[in-house]
Amino acid sequence: MAKMVVCMLAVFCSLLYSAAAVPFKRVARDTGSQQTVSDVLHASLRKTNEVISHTTTALGSINTVHFSGTGSSSTSSLVLDTLPSTDTFITAEQIETSAIEDSEALQTLKSQLHIFVKHLQRVQLDQVELKDDDTTGQVQTVLDHVAAARDKTKELQISLNVTANVMGHALDGTNEQLEIPPTNSHYNMKLRAFITFRDYETFLGHVADVFAQLLERERSP
Protein backbone atom coordinates (compact mmCIF):
# COMPACT_ATOMS: atom_id res chain seq x y z
CA MET A 1 0.00 0.00 0.00
CA ALA A 2 2.78 2.38 0.97
CA LYS A 3 4.58 1.52 -2.26
CA MET A 4 1.45 2.38 -4.28
CA VAL A 5 1.15 5.75 -2.54
CA VAL A 6 4.78 6.52 -3.30
CA CYS A 7 4.25 5.67 -6.97
CA MET A 8 1.17 7.88 -7.22
CA LEU A 9 3.04 10.77 -5.63
CA ALA A 10 5.86 10.31 -8.12
CA VAL A 11 3.46 10.39 -11.06
CA PHE A 12 1.73 13.49 -9.69
CA CYS A 13 5.01 15.34 -9.19
CA SER A 14 6.06 14.37 -12.71
CA LEU A 15 2.87 15.89 -14.14
CA LEU A 16 3.37 19.08 -12.15
CA TYR A 17 6.92 19.38 -13.45
CA SER A 18 5.79 18.85 -17.06
CA ALA A 19 3.10 21.50 -16.75
CA ALA A 20 5.56 23.93 -15.23
CA ALA A 21 7.98 23.30 -18.06
CA VAL A 22 5.48 24.51 -20.66
CA PRO A 23 5.87 28.29 -21.04
CA PHE A 24 2.73 30.30 -20.38
CA LYS A 25 1.78 32.54 -23.27
CA ARG A 26 0.48 35.95 -22.34
CA VAL A 27 -2.02 37.56 -24.69
CA ALA A 28 -1.22 41.20 -25.01
CA ARG A 29 -4.17 43.50 -24.51
CA ASP A 30 -5.18 45.32 -27.68
CA THR A 31 -4.68 48.98 -26.93
CA GLY A 32 -5.57 50.11 -30.43
CA SER A 33 -3.40 51.91 -32.94
CA GLN A 34 -3.07 55.65 -33.28
CA GLN A 35 -4.33 56.69 -36.70
CA THR A 36 -2.63 59.52 -38.50
CA VAL A 37 -4.36 62.18 -40.57
CA SER A 38 -3.03 60.50 -43.71
CA ASP A 39 -4.45 57.18 -42.55
CA VAL A 40 -7.99 58.47 -42.06
CA LEU A 41 -7.98 60.57 -45.22
CA HIS A 42 -6.86 57.57 -47.24
CA ALA A 43 -9.57 55.43 -45.59
CA SER A 44 -12.26 58.03 -46.34
CA LEU A 45 -11.09 58.33 -49.96
CA ARG A 46 -11.22 54.55 -50.35
CA LYS A 47 -14.69 54.40 -48.78
CA THR A 48 -15.93 57.22 -51.03
CA ASN A 49 -14.77 55.32 -54.10
CA GLU A 50 -16.64 52.25 -52.86
CA VAL A 51 -19.83 54.30 -52.52
CA ILE A 52 -19.30 55.77 -55.99
CA SER A 53 -19.09 52.26 -57.42
CA HIS A 54 -22.37 51.22 -55.79
CA THR A 55 -24.04 54.50 -56.74
CA THR A 56 -23.03 54.18 -60.38
CA THR A 57 -24.37 50.62 -60.44
CA ALA A 58 -27.67 51.73 -58.89
CA LEU A 59 -28.01 54.64 -61.30
CA GLY A 60 -27.40 52.33 -64.24
CA SER A 61 -30.05 49.87 -63.09
CA ILE A 62 -32.56 52.68 -62.47
CA ASN A 63 -31.94 54.05 -65.94
CA THR A 64 -32.20 50.64 -67.58
CA VAL A 65 -35.19 49.23 -65.70
CA HIS A 66 -37.31 52.37 -65.35
CA PHE A 67 -36.37 54.36 -68.45
CA SER A 68 -34.89 51.87 -70.92
CA GLY A 69 -31.70 53.95 -70.93
CA THR A 70 -33.35 57.35 -71.58
CA GLY A 71 -33.55 58.69 -68.03
CA SER A 72 -31.44 61.78 -68.70
CA SER A 73 -34.00 63.09 -71.19
CA SER A 74 -36.92 62.82 -68.77
CA THR A 75 -35.73 64.62 -65.64
CA SER A 76 -36.84 68.15 -66.54
CA SER A 77 -40.41 67.36 -65.49
CA LEU A 78 -39.51 66.97 -61.81
CA VAL A 79 -37.64 69.34 -59.50
CA LEU A 80 -36.26 68.06 -56.20
CA ASP A 81 -35.59 71.26 -54.28
CA THR A 82 -34.73 69.31 -51.12
CA LEU A 83 -31.53 67.98 -52.70
CA PRO A 84 -28.32 70.00 -52.18
CA SER A 85 -27.67 72.30 -55.12
CA THR A 86 -24.67 71.31 -57.21
CA ASP A 87 -23.24 74.82 -56.92
CA THR A 88 -22.91 74.33 -53.15
CA PHE A 89 -20.70 71.22 -53.46
CA ILE A 90 -17.23 71.63 -51.96
CA THR A 91 -14.51 71.37 -54.60
CA ALA A 92 -10.86 70.32 -54.52
CA GLU A 93 -9.93 73.77 -55.83
CA GLN A 94 -11.44 75.39 -52.74
CA ILE A 95 -9.23 73.18 -50.59
CA GLU A 96 -6.13 73.75 -52.71
CA THR A 97 -6.50 77.54 -52.67
CA SER A 98 -7.60 77.65 -49.00
CA ALA A 99 -10.79 79.39 -50.09
CA ILE A 100 -12.56 77.51 -47.33
CA GLU A 101 -11.45 76.31 -43.91
CA ASP A 102 -11.11 72.55 -43.46
CA SER A 103 -13.64 72.57 -40.63
CA GLU A 104 -16.24 74.33 -42.78
CA ALA A 105 -15.58 71.99 -45.71
CA LEU A 106 -15.97 68.88 -43.56
CA GLN A 107 -19.09 70.25 -41.87
CA THR A 108 -20.65 70.96 -45.27
CA LEU A 109 -19.80 67.47 -46.48
CA LYS A 110 -21.39 65.97 -43.38
CA SER A 111 -24.57 68.04 -43.72
CA GLN A 112 -25.00 67.35 -47.42
CA LEU A 113 -24.26 63.65 -46.97
CA HIS A 114 -26.98 63.55 -44.33
CA ILE A 115 -29.47 65.07 -46.78
CA PHE A 116 -28.55 62.56 -49.48
CA VAL A 117 -29.03 59.70 -47.01
CA LYS A 118 -32.58 60.91 -46.40
CA HIS A 119 -33.23 60.94 -50.14
CA LEU A 120 -31.71 57.48 -50.58
CA GLN A 121 -34.07 56.24 -47.89
CA ARG A 122 -37.07 57.69 -49.72
CA VAL A 123 -35.90 56.18 -53.02
CA GLN A 124 -35.57 52.82 -51.32
CA LEU A 125 -39.13 53.05 -49.98
CA ASP A 126 -40.35 54.04 -53.45
CA GLN A 127 -38.68 50.98 -54.99
CA VAL A 128 -40.39 48.73 -52.44
CA GLU A 129 -43.76 50.11 -53.58
CA LEU A 130 -42.84 49.81 -57.26
CA LYS A 131 -41.72 46.24 -56.69
CA ASP A 132 -45.18 45.26 -55.49
CA ASP A 133 -46.59 46.05 -58.94
CA ASP A 134 -43.68 44.56 -60.89
CA THR A 135 -44.14 41.20 -62.56
CA THR A 136 -40.69 41.00 -64.15
CA GLY A 137 -38.54 40.94 -61.01
CA GLN A 138 -36.35 43.71 -62.41
CA VAL A 139 -37.33 46.27 -59.77
CA GLN A 140 -35.96 43.93 -57.11
CA THR A 141 -32.56 44.36 -58.75
CA VAL A 142 -32.92 48.13 -58.57
CA LEU A 143 -33.97 47.87 -54.93
CA ASP A 144 -30.94 45.72 -54.09
CA HIS A 145 -28.57 48.22 -55.70
CA VAL A 146 -30.22 51.18 -53.98
CA ALA A 147 -30.02 49.44 -50.61
CA ALA A 148 -26.35 48.59 -51.13
CA ALA A 149 -25.52 52.21 -51.97
CA ARG A 150 -27.36 53.40 -48.87
CA ASP A 151 -25.58 50.89 -46.62
CA LYS A 152 -22.17 51.93 -47.96
CA THR A 153 -23.12 55.57 -47.46
CA LYS A 154 -23.68 54.93 -43.77
CA GLU A 155 -20.14 53.58 -43.61
CA LEU A 156 -18.91 56.73 -45.33
CA GLN A 157 -20.67 58.87 -42.72
CA ILE A 158 -18.76 57.05 -39.98
CA SER A 159 -15.49 57.40 -41.88
CA LEU A 160 -16.06 61.13 -42.36
CA ASN A 161 -16.67 61.63 -38.64
CA VAL A 162 -13.49 59.73 -37.77
CA THR A 163 -11.50 61.80 -40.26
CA ALA A 164 -12.78 65.07 -38.87
CA ASN A 165 -12.04 63.94 -35.32
CA VAL A 166 -8.46 62.92 -36.10
CA MET A 167 -7.94 66.22 -37.95
CA GLY A 168 -9.08 68.02 -34.81
CA HIS A 169 -12.43 69.30 -36.02
CA ALA A 170 -15.56 68.82 -33.94
CA LEU A 171 -18.50 68.67 -36.35
CA ASP A 172 -21.99 69.75 -35.40
CA GLY A 173 -24.74 67.15 -35.35
CA THR A 174 -27.05 66.65 -38.32
CA ASN A 175 -30.19 65.61 -36.53
CA GLU A 176 -32.53 67.98 -38.29
CA GLN A 177 -35.83 66.38 -39.18
CA LEU A 178 -35.66 66.42 -42.95
CA GLU A 179 -38.67 64.64 -44.39
CA ILE A 180 -38.86 63.81 -48.06
CA PRO A 181 -42.54 63.81 -48.97
CA PRO A 182 -43.91 60.73 -50.75
CA THR A 183 -45.59 60.85 -54.11
CA ASN A 184 -48.51 58.80 -55.41
CA SER A 185 -47.16 58.88 -58.95
CA HIS A 186 -45.11 55.83 -59.88
CA TYR A 187 -43.55 57.80 -62.71
CA ASN A 188 -42.35 60.49 -60.29
CA MET A 189 -40.95 57.76 -58.03
CA LYS A 190 -38.83 56.60 -60.94
CA LEU A 191 -37.79 60.16 -61.78
CA ARG A 192 -36.88 60.87 -58.18
CA ALA A 193 -34.69 57.77 -58.11
CA PHE A 194 -32.84 58.79 -61.26
CA ILE A 195 -32.33 62.44 -60.22
CA THR A 196 -31.26 61.52 -56.71
CA PHE A 197 -28.63 59.04 -57.83
CA ARG A 198 -27.46 61.25 -60.68
CA ASP A 199 -26.83 64.16 -58.32
CA TYR A 200 -25.42 61.88 -55.65
CA GLU A 201 -22.87 60.48 -58.08
CA THR A 202 -21.79 64.04 -58.92
CA PHE A 203 -21.57 64.94 -55.23
CA LEU A 204 -19.47 61.87 -54.43
CA GLY A 205 -17.06 62.74 -57.24
CA HIS A 206 -16.40 66.07 -55.52
CA VAL A 207 -16.08 64.37 -52.12
CA ALA A 208 -13.42 62.02 -53.52
CA ASP A 209 -11.55 64.99 -55.02
CA VAL A 210 -11.68 66.84 -51.70
CA PHE A 211 -10.28 63.89 -49.76
CA ALA A 212 -7.59 63.38 -52.42
CA GLN A 213 -6.58 67.06 -52.20
CA LEU A 214 -6.47 66.98 -48.40
CA LEU A 215 -4.38 63.82 -48.56
CA GLU A 216 -1.97 65.32 -51.08
CA ARG A 217 -1.56 68.41 -48.89
CA GLU A 218 -0.98 66.27 -45.80
CA ARG A 219 1.74 64.26 -47.53
CA SER A 220 3.50 67.32 -48.93
CA PRO A 221 6.75 68.17 -47.13
C-alpha atoms as a PDB file:
ATOM      1  CA  MET A   1       0.000   0.000   0.000  1.00  0.00           C
ATOM      2  CA  ALA A   2       2.781   2.381   0.974  1.00  0.00           C
ATOM      3  CA  LYS A   3       4.584   1.522  -2.258  1.00  0.00           C
ATOM      4  CA  MET A   4       1.454   2.383  -4.283  1.00  0.00           C
ATOM      5  CA  VAL A   5       1.146   5.747  -2.544  1.00  0.00           C
ATOM      6  CA  VAL A   6       4.777   6.518  -3.298  1.00  0.00           C
ATOM      7  CA  CYS A   7       4.251   5.669  -6.972  1.00  0.00           C
ATOM      8  CA  MET A   8       1.171   7.881  -7.220  1.00  0.00           C
ATOM      9  CA  LEU A   9       3.041  10.773  -5.633  1.00  0.00           C
ATOM     10  CA  ALA A  10       5.860  10.308  -8.118  1.00  0.00           C
ATOM     11  CA  VAL A  11       3.464  10.394 -11.060  1.00  0.00           C
ATOM     12  CA  PHE A  12       1.726  13.494  -9.686  1.00  0.00           C
ATOM     13  CA  CYS A  13       5.013  15.336  -9.191  1.00  0.00           C
ATOM     14  CA  SER A  14       6.061  14.371 -12.708  1.00  0.00           C
ATOM     15  CA  LEU A  15       2.868  15.894 -14.138  1.00  0.00           C
ATOM     16  CA  LEU A  16       3.373  19.078 -12.154  1.00  0.00           C
ATOM     17  CA  TYR A  17       6.922  19.380 -13.448  1.00  0.00           C
ATOM     18  CA  SER A  18       5.790  18.851 -17.055  1.00  0.00           C
ATOM     19  CA  ALA A  19       3.099  21.502 -16.748  1.00  0.00           C
ATOM     20  CA  ALA A  20       5.564  23.934 -15.232  1.00  0.00           C
ATOM     21  CA  ALA A  21       7.977  23.300 -18.064  1.00  0.00           C
ATOM     22  CA  VAL A  22       5.483  24.508 -20.662  1.00  0.00           C
ATOM     23  CA  PRO A  23       5.870  28.291 -21.039  1.00  0.00           C
ATOM     24  CA  PHE A  24       2.731  30.301 -20.380  1.00  0.00           C
ATOM     25  CA  LYS A  25       1.775  32.541 -23.271  1.00  0.00           C
ATOM     26  CA  ARG A  26       0.477  35.952 -22.341  1.00  0.00           C
ATOM     27  CA  VAL A  27      -2.020  37.556 -24.687  1.00  0.00           C
ATOM     28  CA  ALA A  28      -1.217  41.200 -25.006  1.00  0.00           C
ATOM     29  CA  ARG A  29      -4.167  43.497 -24.513  1.00  0.00           C
ATOM     30  CA  ASP A  30      -5.183  45.316 -27.677  1.00  0.00           C
ATOM     31  CA  THR A  31      -4.684  48.981 -26.926  1.00  0.00           C
ATOM     32  CA  GLY A  32      -5.571  50.115 -30.433  1.00  0.00           C
ATOM     33  CA  SER A  33      -3.396  51.914 -32.943  1.00  0.00           C
ATOM     34  CA  GLN A  34      -3.074  55.651 -33.283  1.00  0.00           C
ATOM     35  CA  GLN A  35      -4.330  56.694 -36.705  1.00  0.00           C
ATOM     36  CA  THR A  36      -2.625  59.518 -38.500  1.00  0.00           C
ATOM     37  CA  VAL A  37      -4.358  62.179 -40.572  1.00  0.00           C
ATOM     38  CA  SER A  38      -3.025  60.502 -43.705  1.00  0.00           C
ATOM     39  CA  ASP A  39      -4.453  57.180 -42.553  1.00  0.00           C
ATOM     40  CA  VAL A  40      -7.986  58.465 -42.060  1.00  0.00           C
ATOM     41  CA  LEU A  41      -7.983  60.569 -45.216  1.00  0.00           C
ATOM     42  CA  HIS A  42      -6.864  57.567 -47.241  1.00  0.00           C
ATOM     43  CA  ALA A  43      -9.571  55.435 -45.587  1.00  0.00           C
ATOM     44  CA  SER A  44     -12.261  58.029 -46.344  1.00  0.00           C
ATOM     45  CA  LEU A  45     -11.088  58.327 -49.956  1.00  0.00           C
ATOM     46  CA  ARG A  46     -11.222  54.552 -50.346  1.00  0.00           C
ATOM     47  CA  LYS A  47     -14.686  54.401 -48.779  1.00  0.00           C
ATOM     48  CA  THR A  48     -15.926  57.220 -51.028  1.00  0.00           C
ATOM     49  CA  ASN A  49     -14.769  55.322 -54.100  1.00  0.00           C
ATOM     50  CA  GLU A  50     -16.641  52.247 -52.861  1.00  0.00           C
ATOM     51  CA  VAL A  51     -19.833  54.297 -52.522  1.00  0.00           C
ATOM     52  CA  ILE A  52     -19.297  55.769 -55.991  1.00  0.00           C
ATOM     53  CA  SER A  53     -19.092  52.261 -57.421  1.00  0.00           C
ATOM     54  CA  HIS A  54     -22.371  51.224 -55.788  1.00  0.00           C
ATOM     55  CA  THR A  55     -24.039  54.498 -56.740  1.00  0.00           C
ATOM     56  CA  THR A  56     -23.033  54.183 -60.383  1.00  0.00           C
ATOM     57  CA  THR A  57     -24.369  50.624 -60.439  1.00  0.00           C
ATOM     58  CA  ALA A  58     -27.665  51.729 -58.892  1.00  0.00           C
ATOM     59  CA  LEU A  59     -28.014  54.642 -61.302  1.00  0.00           C
ATOM     60  CA  GLY A  60     -27.402  52.334 -64.238  1.00  0.00           C
ATOM     61  CA  SER A  61     -30.052  49.866 -63.094  1.00  0.00           C
ATOM     62  CA  ILE A  62     -32.556  52.685 -62.470  1.00  0.00           C
ATOM     63  CA  ASN A  63     -31.944  54.054 -65.938  1.00  0.00           C
ATOM     64  CA  THR A  64     -32.205  50.643 -67.581  1.00  0.00           C
ATOM     65  CA  VAL A  65     -35.195  49.228 -65.700  1.00  0.00           C
ATOM     66  CA  HIS A  66     -37.313  52.368 -65.345  1.00  0.00           C
ATOM     67  CA  PHE A  67     -36.366  54.359 -68.454  1.00  0.00           C
ATOM     68  CA  SER A  68     -34.885  51.874 -70.920  1.00  0.00           C
ATOM     69  CA  GLY A  69     -31.701  53.950 -70.933  1.00  0.00           C
ATOM     70  CA  THR A  70     -33.349  57.353 -71.583  1.00  0.00           C
ATOM     71  CA  GLY A  71     -33.550  58.694 -68.028  1.00  0.00           C
ATOM     72  CA  SER A  72     -31.438  61.776 -68.698  1.00  0.00           C
ATOM     73  CA  SER A  73     -34.002  63.092 -71.191  1.00  0.00           C
ATOM     74  CA  SER A  74     -36.920  62.818 -68.768  1.00  0.00           C
ATOM     75  CA  THR A  75     -35.734  64.625 -65.644  1.00  0.00           C
ATOM     76  CA  SER A  76     -36.839  68.151 -66.538  1.00  0.00           C
ATOM     77  CA  SER A  77     -40.410  67.364 -65.491  1.00  0.00           C
ATOM     78  CA  LEU A  78     -39.508  66.968 -61.809  1.00  0.00           C
ATOM     79  CA  VAL A  79     -37.641  69.337 -59.498  1.00  0.00           C
ATOM     80  CA  LEU A  80     -36.259  68.064 -56.195  1.00  0.00           C
ATOM     81  CA  ASP A  81     -35.593  71.262 -54.276  1.00  0.00           C
ATOM     82  CA  THR A  82     -34.728  69.311 -51.124  1.00  0.00           C
ATOM     83  CA  LEU A  83     -31.530  67.984 -52.700  1.00  0.00           C
ATOM     84  CA  PRO A  84     -28.322  70.001 -52.184  1.00  0.00           C
ATOM     85  CA  SER A  85     -27.671  72.296 -55.119  1.00  0.00           C
ATOM     86  CA  THR A  86     -24.671  71.310 -57.212  1.00  0.00           C
ATOM     87  CA  ASP A  87     -23.237  74.825 -56.917  1.00  0.00           C
ATOM     88  CA  THR A  88     -22.906  74.325 -53.154  1.00  0.00           C
ATOM     89  CA  PHE A  89     -20.704  71.217 -53.461  1.00  0.00           C
ATOM     90  CA  ILE A  90     -17.231  71.635 -51.961  1.00  0.00           C
ATOM     91  CA  THR A  91     -14.507  71.372 -54.603  1.00  0.00           C
ATOM     92  CA  ALA A  92     -10.858  70.324 -54.520  1.00  0.00           C
ATOM     93  CA  GLU A  93      -9.932  73.770 -55.827  1.00  0.00           C
ATOM     94  CA  GLN A  94     -11.442  75.390 -52.739  1.00  0.00           C
ATOM     95  CA  ILE A  95      -9.231  73.178 -50.595  1.00  0.00           C
ATOM     96  CA  GLU A  96      -6.126  73.749 -52.714  1.00  0.00           C
ATOM     97  CA  THR A  97      -6.502  77.536 -52.667  1.00  0.00           C
ATOM     98  CA  SER A  98      -7.600  77.653 -49.004  1.00  0.00           C
ATOM     99  CA  ALA A  99     -10.787  79.389 -50.089  1.00  0.00           C
ATOM    100  CA  ILE A 100     -12.563  77.513 -47.330  1.00  0.00           C
ATOM    101  CA  GLU A 101     -11.455  76.310 -43.912  1.00  0.00           C
ATOM    102  CA  ASP A 102     -11.107  72.546 -43.456  1.00  0.00           C
ATOM    103  CA  SER A 103     -13.635  72.572 -40.626  1.00  0.00           C
ATOM    104  CA  GLU A 104     -16.243  74.325 -42.784  1.00  0.00           C
ATOM    105  CA  ALA A 105     -15.576  71.993 -45.712  1.00  0.00           C
ATOM    106  CA  LEU A 106     -15.967  68.878 -43.562  1.00  0.00           C
ATOM    107  CA  GLN A 107     -19.087  70.253 -41.870  1.00  0.00           C
ATOM    108  CA  THR A 108     -20.648  70.960 -45.266  1.00  0.00           C
ATOM    109  CA  LEU A 109     -19.795  67.467 -46.478  1.00  0.00           C
ATOM    110  CA  LYS A 110     -21.386  65.971 -43.381  1.00  0.00           C
ATOM    111  CA  SER A 111     -24.574  68.041 -43.722  1.00  0.00           C
ATOM    112  CA  GLN A 112     -25.000  67.348 -47.422  1.00  0.00           C
ATOM    113  CA  LEU A 113     -24.259  63.649 -46.975  1.00  0.00           C
ATOM    114  CA  HIS A 114     -26.983  63.551 -44.326  1.00  0.00           C
ATOM    115  CA  ILE A 115     -29.465  65.071 -46.784  1.00  0.00           C
ATOM    116  CA  PHE A 116     -28.554  62.563 -49.475  1.00  0.00           C
ATOM    117  CA  VAL A 117     -29.031  59.702 -47.010  1.00  0.00           C
ATOM    118  CA  LYS A 118     -32.579  60.907 -46.399  1.00  0.00           C
ATOM    119  CA  HIS A 119     -33.228  60.939 -50.141  1.00  0.00           C
ATOM    120  CA  LEU A 120     -31.715  57.479 -50.576  1.00  0.00           C
ATOM    121  CA  GLN A 121     -34.072  56.236 -47.891  1.00  0.00           C
ATOM    122  CA  ARG A 122     -37.070  57.693 -49.721  1.00  0.00           C
ATOM    123  CA  VAL A 123     -35.899  56.181 -53.015  1.00  0.00           C
ATOM    124  CA  GLN A 124     -35.568  52.817 -51.319  1.00  0.00           C
ATOM    125  CA  LEU A 125     -39.133  53.049 -49.981  1.00  0.00           C
ATOM    126  CA  ASP A 126     -40.355  54.035 -53.448  1.00  0.00           C
ATOM    127  CA  GLN A 127     -38.682  50.983 -54.986  1.00  0.00           C
ATOM    128  CA  VAL A 128     -40.394  48.735 -52.443  1.00  0.00           C
ATOM    129  CA  GLU A 129     -43.759  50.107 -53.577  1.00  0.00           C
ATOM    130  CA  LEU A 130     -42.843  49.813 -57.255  1.00  0.00           C
ATOM    131  CA  LYS A 131     -41.722  46.240 -56.694  1.00  0.00           C
ATOM    132  CA  ASP A 132     -45.183  45.263 -55.493  1.00  0.00           C
ATOM    133  CA  ASP A 133     -46.586  46.054 -58.942  1.00  0.00           C
ATOM    134  CA  ASP A 134     -43.679  44.565 -60.889  1.00  0.00           C
ATOM    135  CA  THR A 135     -44.139  41.203 -62.563  1.00  0.00           C
ATOM    136  CA  THR A 136     -40.689  41.005 -64.151  1.00  0.00           C
ATOM    137  CA  GLY A 137     -38.536  40.941 -61.010  1.00  0.00           C
ATOM    138  CA  GLN A 138     -36.352  43.714 -62.408  1.00  0.00           C
ATOM    139  CA  VAL A 139     -37.333  46.272 -59.773  1.00  0.00           C
ATOM    140  CA  GLN A 140     -35.955  43.929 -57.109  1.00  0.00           C
ATOM    141  CA  THR A 141     -32.558  44.358 -58.753  1.00  0.00           C
ATOM    142  CA  VAL A 142     -32.918  48.129 -58.570  1.00  0.00           C
ATOM    143  CA  LEU A 143     -33.968  47.865 -54.929  1.00  0.00           C
ATOM    144  CA  ASP A 144     -30.939  45.723 -54.087  1.00  0.00           C
ATOM    145  CA  HIS A 145     -28.568  48.221 -55.705  1.00  0.00           C
ATOM    146  CA  VAL A 146     -30.215  51.183 -53.983  1.00  0.00           C
ATOM    147  CA  ALA A 147     -30.023  49.440 -50.608  1.00  0.00           C
ATOM    148  CA  ALA A 148     -26.352  48.587 -51.134  1.00  0.00           C
ATOM    149  CA  ALA A 149     -25.518  52.209 -51.966  1.00  0.00           C
ATOM    150  CA  ARG A 150     -27.358  53.398 -48.873  1.00  0.00           C
ATOM    151  CA  ASP A 151     -25.584  50.891 -46.623  1.00  0.00           C
ATOM    152  CA  LYS A 152     -22.169  51.932 -47.956  1.00  0.00           C
ATOM    153  CA  THR A 153     -23.122  55.573 -47.465  1.00  0.00           C
ATOM    154  CA  LYS A 154     -23.684  54.927 -43.767  1.00  0.00           C
ATOM    155  CA  GLU A 155     -20.141  53.576 -43.606  1.00  0.00           C
ATOM    156  CA  LEU A 156     -18.906  56.728 -45.330  1.00  0.00           C
ATOM    157  CA  GLN A 157     -20.671  58.868 -42.718  1.00  0.00           C
ATOM    158  CA  ILE A 158     -18.764  57.052 -39.984  1.00  0.00           C
ATOM    159  CA  SER A 159     -15.488  57.403 -41.880  1.00  0.00           C
ATOM    160  CA  LEU A 160     -16.063  61.135 -42.355  1.00  0.00           C
ATOM    161  CA  ASN A 161     -16.675  61.630 -38.642  1.00  0.00           C
ATOM    162  CA  VAL A 162     -13.493  59.729 -37.770  1.00  0.00           C
ATOM    163  CA  THR A 163     -11.504  61.798 -40.263  1.00  0.00           C
ATOM    164  CA  ALA A 164     -12.777  65.073 -38.868  1.00  0.00           C
ATOM    165  CA  ASN A 165     -12.041  63.936 -35.322  1.00  0.00           C
ATOM    166  CA  VAL A 166      -8.456  62.922 -36.102  1.00  0.00           C
ATOM    167  CA  MET A 167      -7.939  66.217 -37.953  1.00  0.00           C
ATOM    168  CA  GLY A 168      -9.080  68.015 -34.806  1.00  0.00           C
ATOM    169  CA  HIS A 169     -12.434  69.305 -36.022  1.00  0.00           C
ATOM    170  CA  ALA A 170     -15.564  68.817 -33.944  1.00  0.00           C
ATOM    171  CA  LEU A 171     -18.497  68.666 -36.346  1.00  0.00           C
ATOM    172  CA  ASP A 172     -21.987  69.748 -35.402  1.00  0.00           C
ATOM    173  CA  GLY A 173     -24.736  67.148 -35.353  1.00  0.00           C
ATOM    174  CA  THR A 174     -27.051  66.649 -38.317  1.00  0.00           C
ATOM    175  CA  ASN A 175     -30.192  65.611 -36.526  1.00  0.00           C
ATOM    176  CA  GLU A 176     -32.526  67.978 -38.287  1.00  0.00           C
ATOM    177  CA  GLN A 177     -35.832  66.383 -39.175  1.00  0.00           C
ATOM    178  CA  LEU A 178     -35.663  66.421 -42.952  1.00  0.00           C
ATOM    179  CA  GLU A 179     -38.669  64.641 -44.386  1.00  0.00           C
ATOM    180  CA  ILE A 180     -38.857  63.810 -48.063  1.00  0.00           C
ATOM    181  CA  PRO A 181     -42.540  63.809 -48.972  1.00  0.00           C
ATOM    182  CA  PRO A 182     -43.911  60.734 -50.751  1.00  0.00           C
ATOM    183  CA  THR A 183     -45.595  60.847 -54.113  1.00  0.00           C
ATOM    184  CA  ASN A 184     -48.514  58.801 -55.415  1.00  0.00           C
ATOM    185  CA  SER A 185     -47.160  58.877 -58.951  1.00  0.00           C
ATOM    186  CA  HIS A 186     -45.111  55.835 -59.875  1.00  0.00           C
ATOM    187  CA  TYR A 187     -43.546  57.803 -62.711  1.00  0.00           C
ATOM    188  CA  ASN A 188     -42.353  60.487 -60.285  1.00  0.00           C
ATOM    189  CA  MET A 189     -40.948  57.759 -58.029  1.00  0.00           C
ATOM    190  CA  LYS A 190     -38.826  56.599 -60.935  1.00  0.00           C
ATOM    191  CA  LEU A 191     -37.787  60.160 -61.784  1.00  0.00           C
ATOM    192  CA  ARG A 192     -36.884  60.865 -58.178  1.00  0.00           C
ATOM    193  CA  ALA A 193     -34.688  57.768 -58.109  1.00  0.00           C
ATOM    194  CA  PHE A 194     -32.838  58.795 -61.259  1.00  0.00           C
ATOM    195  CA  ILE A 195     -32.331  62.439 -60.219  1.00  0.00           C
ATOM    196  CA  THR A 196     -31.265  61.517 -56.705  1.00  0.00           C
ATOM    197  CA  PHE A 197     -28.630  59.041 -57.827  1.00  0.00           C
ATOM    198  CA  ARG A 198     -27.458  61.251 -60.681  1.00  0.00           C
ATOM    199  CA  ASP A 199     -26.830  64.162 -58.318  1.00  0.00           C
ATOM    200  CA  TYR A 200     -25.420  61.877 -55.646  1.00  0.00           C
ATOM    201  CA  GLU A 201     -22.874  60.484 -58.081  1.00  0.00           C
ATOM    202  CA  THR A 202     -21.786  64.043 -58.924  1.00  0.00           C
ATOM    203  CA  PHE A 203     -21.568  64.938 -55.235  1.00  0.00           C
ATOM    204  CA  LEU A 204     -19.470  61.873 -54.429  1.00  0.00           C
ATOM    205  CA  GLY A 205     -17.060  62.740 -57.236  1.00  0.00           C
ATOM    206  CA  HIS A 206     -16.400  66.073 -55.515  1.00  0.00           C
ATOM    207  CA  VAL A 207     -16.075  64.372 -52.122  1.00  0.00           C
ATOM    208  CA  ALA A 208     -13.419  62.025 -53.518  1.00  0.00           C
ATOM    209  CA  ASP A 209     -11.550  64.991 -55.024  1.00  0.00           C
ATOM    210  CA  VAL A 210     -11.680  66.838 -51.700  1.00  0.00           C
ATOM    211  CA  PHE A 211     -10.276  63.891 -49.762  1.00  0.00           C
ATOM    212  CA  ALA A 212      -7.595  63.381 -52.416  1.00  0.00           C
ATOM    213  CA  GLN A 213      -6.583  67.055 -52.199  1.00  0.00           C
ATOM    214  CA  LEU A 214      -6.475  66.981 -48.403  1.00  0.00           C
ATOM    215  CA  LEU A 215      -4.377  63.817 -48.565  1.00  0.00           C
ATOM    216  CA  GLU A 216      -1.968  65.324 -51.076  1.00  0.00           C
ATOM    217  CA  ARG A 217      -1.557  68.406 -48.890  1.00  0.00           C
ATOM    218  CA  GLU A 218      -0.983  66.265 -45.802  1.00  0.00           C
ATOM    219  CA  ARG A 219       1.738  64.264 -47.533  1.00  0.00           C
ATOM    220  CA  SER A 220       3.495  67.319 -48.930  1.00  0.00           C
ATOM    221  CA  PRO A 221       6.752  68.173 -47.135  1.00  0.00           C
END
